[in-house]
Each structure stands twice: as structure tokens, then as C-alpha cells.
Amino acid sequence: MGLGDYAMRRKNLVDENKDFCVCPLCQAQKMPPHLCNCSEGFAERMFSYILNRPVRATVIASILRGDKSCKYEIFL
């Protein structure tokens, strides 16, 4: 899926597709699940920058919350 495909939809699912948390803070020690809100903000900034427009991101699954991978819903 290219960036043009993201622009054609109103919301998209982004799956980290890793069986470990990629957050550098979580790799150093066990962290509380609400820390995933930080990654949510990072995803918003990253996709807003790439698409050159504001987007909203929501964490819908995360390893810290007991899920198999981290998934974000990106609202364009």
C-alpha cells in the first residue's frame, strides 16, 4: 500500500506486525499500558508529516495491553 492509498481512505489500520514493543522506554523496563498514548501521539505526528495534513491516531491494540501486536487506527 503506497501513500496515495492512504489518502483515498478515511481511516486506515496500521499494524506494527512485531511480537515485541518497539518503544525504547519499554525495552529498558516494564512500563504501564497507558504509555501507549505516547506512541499514539507519535503515529499522529508521523502520518501528519508524511501526508502533509492533520490526522488522528488511536491505539486499538498493544503488546503492553496484552495483545499480540500494536495496531493503530489512523483517521484522515
N, C-alpha and C. Protein backbone atom coordinates (compact mmCIF):
# COMPACT_ATOMS: atom_id res chain seq x y z
N MET A 1 0.84 -1.17 0.00
CA MET A 1 0.00 0.00 0.00
C MET A 1 0.89 1.23 0.00
N GLY A 2 0.73 2.10 -0.98
CA GLY A 2 1.50 3.32 -1.05
C GLY A 2 0.82 4.47 -0.33
N LEU A 3 1.50 5.59 -0.23
CA LEU A 3 0.94 6.74 0.46
C LEU A 3 -0.31 7.25 -0.23
N GLY A 4 -0.38 7.11 -1.54
CA GLY A 4 -1.59 7.52 -2.25
C GLY A 4 -2.80 6.73 -1.81
N ASP A 5 -2.61 5.46 -1.46
CA ASP A 5 -3.70 4.63 -0.98
C ASP A 5 -4.23 5.15 0.35
N TYR A 6 -3.35 5.67 1.21
CA TYR A 6 -3.79 6.23 2.48
C TYR A 6 -4.69 7.44 2.25
N ALA A 7 -4.34 8.26 1.28
CA ALA A 7 -5.10 9.48 1.02
C ALA A 7 -6.49 9.18 0.48
N MET A 8 -6.72 8.00 -0.04
CA MET A 8 -8.00 7.67 -0.64
C MET A 8 -9.02 7.16 0.37
N ARG A 9 -8.59 6.88 1.60
CA ARG A 9 -9.49 6.31 2.59
C ARG A 9 -9.65 7.27 3.76
N ARG A 10 -10.74 7.11 4.50
CA ARG A 10 -10.97 7.98 5.65
C ARG A 10 -10.29 7.46 6.90
N LYS A 11 -10.16 6.15 7.05
CA LYS A 11 -9.42 5.61 8.18
C LYS A 11 -8.67 4.37 7.72
N ASN A 12 -7.57 4.10 8.38
CA ASN A 12 -6.69 3.01 8.00
C ASN A 12 -6.19 2.31 9.24
N LEU A 13 -5.90 1.04 9.11
CA LEU A 13 -5.35 0.25 10.20
C LEU A 13 -3.87 0.04 9.94
N VAL A 14 -3.06 0.39 10.92
CA VAL A 14 -1.62 0.20 10.81
C VAL A 14 -1.21 -0.80 11.89
N ASP A 15 -0.61 -1.90 11.48
CA ASP A 15 -0.18 -2.96 12.39
C ASP A 15 1.34 -2.97 12.43
N GLU A 16 1.93 -2.84 13.62
CA GLU A 16 3.39 -2.90 13.77
C GLU A 16 3.92 -4.25 13.29
N ASN A 17 3.10 -5.30 13.41
CA ASN A 17 3.46 -6.65 12.96
C ASN A 17 4.75 -7.16 13.61
N LYS A 18 4.91 -6.84 14.88
CA LYS A 18 6.05 -7.34 15.65
C LYS A 18 5.50 -7.94 16.94
N ASP A 19 6.16 -8.96 17.46
CA ASP A 19 5.70 -9.59 18.69
C ASP A 19 6.40 -9.01 19.92
N PHE A 20 6.92 -7.79 19.80
CA PHE A 20 7.54 -7.11 20.92
C PHE A 20 7.24 -5.62 20.80
N CYS A 21 7.32 -4.94 21.91
CA CYS A 21 7.07 -3.50 21.92
C CYS A 21 8.29 -2.78 21.35
N VAL A 22 8.07 -1.87 20.39
CA VAL A 22 9.17 -1.15 19.76
C VAL A 22 9.54 0.14 20.50
N CYS A 23 8.78 0.49 21.52
CA CYS A 23 9.05 1.70 22.28
C CYS A 23 10.37 1.54 23.06
N PRO A 24 11.31 2.46 22.90
CA PRO A 24 12.60 2.35 23.60
C PRO A 24 12.46 2.42 25.12
N LEU A 25 11.44 3.12 25.62
CA LEU A 25 11.23 3.18 27.07
C LEU A 25 10.84 1.83 27.64
N CYS A 26 10.06 1.07 26.88
CA CYS A 26 9.58 -0.23 27.35
C CYS A 26 10.65 -1.31 27.27
N GLN A 27 11.66 -1.10 26.46
CA GLN A 27 12.72 -2.09 26.35
C GLN A 27 13.65 -2.04 27.55
N ALA A 28 13.71 -0.90 28.23
CA ALA A 28 14.59 -0.75 29.38
C ALA A 28 13.96 -1.33 30.64
N GLN A 29 12.65 -1.22 30.78
CA GLN A 29 11.96 -1.73 31.97
C GLN A 29 10.49 -1.90 31.68
N LYS A 30 9.78 -2.60 32.55
CA LYS A 30 8.35 -2.80 32.38
C LYS A 30 7.63 -1.46 32.62
N MET A 31 6.76 -1.12 31.70
CA MET A 31 6.06 0.16 31.75
C MET A 31 4.55 -0.07 31.81
N PRO A 32 3.79 0.90 32.30
CA PRO A 32 2.33 0.76 32.35
C PRO A 32 1.71 0.89 30.96
N PRO A 33 0.58 0.23 30.74
CA PRO A 33 -0.07 0.24 29.42
C PRO A 33 -0.46 1.62 28.91
N HIS A 34 -0.74 2.58 29.79
CA HIS A 34 -1.15 3.90 29.29
C HIS A 34 0.01 4.63 28.60
N LEU A 35 1.22 4.10 28.68
CA LEU A 35 2.34 4.69 27.95
C LEU A 35 2.11 4.62 26.44
N CYS A 36 1.26 3.71 26.00
CA CYS A 36 0.95 3.58 24.57
C CYS A 36 0.33 4.85 24.01
N ASN A 37 -0.22 5.71 24.87
CA ASN A 37 -0.75 7.00 24.40
C ASN A 37 0.37 7.84 23.79
N CYS A 38 1.59 7.67 24.26
CA CYS A 38 2.73 8.37 23.69
C CYS A 38 2.95 7.91 22.24
N SER A 39 2.88 6.62 22.01
CA SER A 39 3.04 6.08 20.65
C SER A 39 1.90 6.54 19.75
N GLU A 40 0.73 6.70 20.32
CA GLU A 40 -0.42 7.21 19.57
C GLU A 40 -0.10 8.61 19.05
N GLY A 41 0.45 9.45 19.91
CA GLY A 41 0.84 10.80 19.50
C GLY A 41 1.94 10.79 18.45
N PHE A 42 2.88 9.86 18.61
CA PHE A 42 3.96 9.74 17.62
C PHE A 42 3.37 9.37 16.26
N ALA A 43 2.43 8.42 16.24
CA ALA A 43 1.81 8.00 14.98
C ALA A 43 1.08 9.17 14.33
N GLU A 44 0.39 9.98 15.14
CA GLU A 44 -0.30 11.15 14.59
C GLU A 44 0.69 12.11 13.94
N ARG A 45 1.78 12.39 14.62
CA ARG A 45 2.76 13.32 14.07
C ARG A 45 3.42 12.77 12.82
N MET A 46 3.77 11.47 12.84
CA MET A 46 4.44 10.86 11.70
C MET A 46 3.55 10.88 10.46
N PHE A 47 2.29 10.42 10.59
CA PHE A 47 1.41 10.38 9.43
C PHE A 47 0.99 11.78 8.99
N SER A 48 0.84 12.70 9.93
CA SER A 48 0.54 14.09 9.55
C SER A 48 1.67 14.68 8.73
N TYR A 49 2.89 14.40 9.13
CA TYR A 49 4.05 14.90 8.40
C TYR A 49 4.13 14.28 7.00
N ILE A 50 3.99 12.97 6.93
CA ILE A 50 4.10 12.25 5.65
C ILE A 50 3.00 12.70 4.68
N LEU A 51 1.78 12.84 5.19
CA LEU A 51 0.65 13.18 4.32
C LEU A 51 0.45 14.68 4.17
N ASN A 52 1.23 15.45 4.93
CA ASN A 52 1.16 16.91 4.89
C ASN A 52 -0.24 17.44 5.19
N ARG A 53 -0.88 16.81 6.18
CA ARG A 53 -2.20 17.23 6.66
C ARG A 53 -2.46 16.60 8.02
N PRO A 54 -3.31 17.20 8.83
CA PRO A 54 -3.57 16.64 10.16
C PRO A 54 -4.29 15.30 10.07
N VAL A 55 -3.91 14.38 10.91
CA VAL A 55 -4.60 13.10 11.06
C VAL A 55 -4.78 12.85 12.55
N ARG A 56 -5.62 11.88 12.88
CA ARG A 56 -5.82 11.47 14.26
C ARG A 56 -5.52 9.98 14.35
N ALA A 57 -4.84 9.57 15.39
CA ALA A 57 -4.50 8.16 15.58
C ALA A 57 -5.08 7.65 16.90
N THR A 58 -5.44 6.39 16.92
CA THR A 58 -5.94 5.74 18.12
C THR A 58 -5.29 4.37 18.23
N VAL A 59 -4.77 4.05 19.41
CA VAL A 59 -4.24 2.71 19.64
C VAL A 59 -5.44 1.78 19.84
N ILE A 60 -5.55 0.75 19.01
CA ILE A 60 -6.65 -0.20 19.17
C ILE A 60 -6.17 -1.54 19.71
N ALA A 61 -4.85 -1.75 19.72
CA ALA A 61 -4.27 -2.95 20.32
C ALA A 61 -2.81 -2.65 20.64
N SER A 62 -2.32 -3.22 21.72
CA SER A 62 -0.90 -3.03 22.05
C SER A 62 -0.39 -4.20 22.87
N ILE A 63 0.89 -4.45 22.74
CA ILE A 63 1.53 -5.53 23.47
C ILE A 63 1.46 -5.27 24.97
N LEU A 64 1.65 -4.02 25.38
CA LEU A 64 1.57 -3.69 26.81
C LEU A 64 0.19 -3.95 27.40
N ARG A 65 -0.82 -3.94 26.55
CA ARG A 65 -2.19 -4.20 26.99
C ARG A 65 -2.58 -5.67 26.83
N GLY A 66 -1.60 -6.51 26.45
CA GLY A 66 -1.86 -7.94 26.35
C GLY A 66 -2.17 -8.45 24.96
N ASP A 67 -2.10 -7.60 23.95
CA ASP A 67 -2.38 -8.03 22.57
C ASP A 67 -1.13 -8.61 21.92
N LYS A 68 -1.29 -9.25 20.77
CA LYS A 68 -0.17 -9.91 20.08
C LYS A 68 0.72 -8.93 19.34
N SER A 69 0.19 -7.77 18.97
CA SER A 69 0.97 -6.74 18.30
C SER A 69 0.31 -5.39 18.54
N CYS A 70 1.00 -4.33 18.17
CA CYS A 70 0.46 -2.98 18.32
C CYS A 70 -0.25 -2.60 17.02
N LYS A 71 -1.47 -2.09 17.16
CA LYS A 71 -2.25 -1.66 15.99
C LYS A 71 -2.80 -0.28 16.26
N TYR A 72 -2.75 0.54 15.23
CA TYR A 72 -3.25 1.90 15.30
C TYR A 72 -4.29 2.11 14.23
N GLU A 73 -5.32 2.85 14.55
CA GLU A 73 -6.29 3.27 13.55
C GLU A 73 -5.96 4.73 13.24
N ILE A 74 -5.74 5.02 11.97
CA ILE A 74 -5.37 6.36 11.54
C ILE A 74 -6.58 6.97 10.82
N PHE A 75 -7.08 8.09 11.35
CA PHE A 75 -8.23 8.78 10.76
C PHE A 75 -7.73 9.97 9.95
N LEU A 76 -8.05 9.98 8.68
CA LEU A 76 -7.59 11.05 7.79
C LEU A 76 -8.59 12.19 7.74
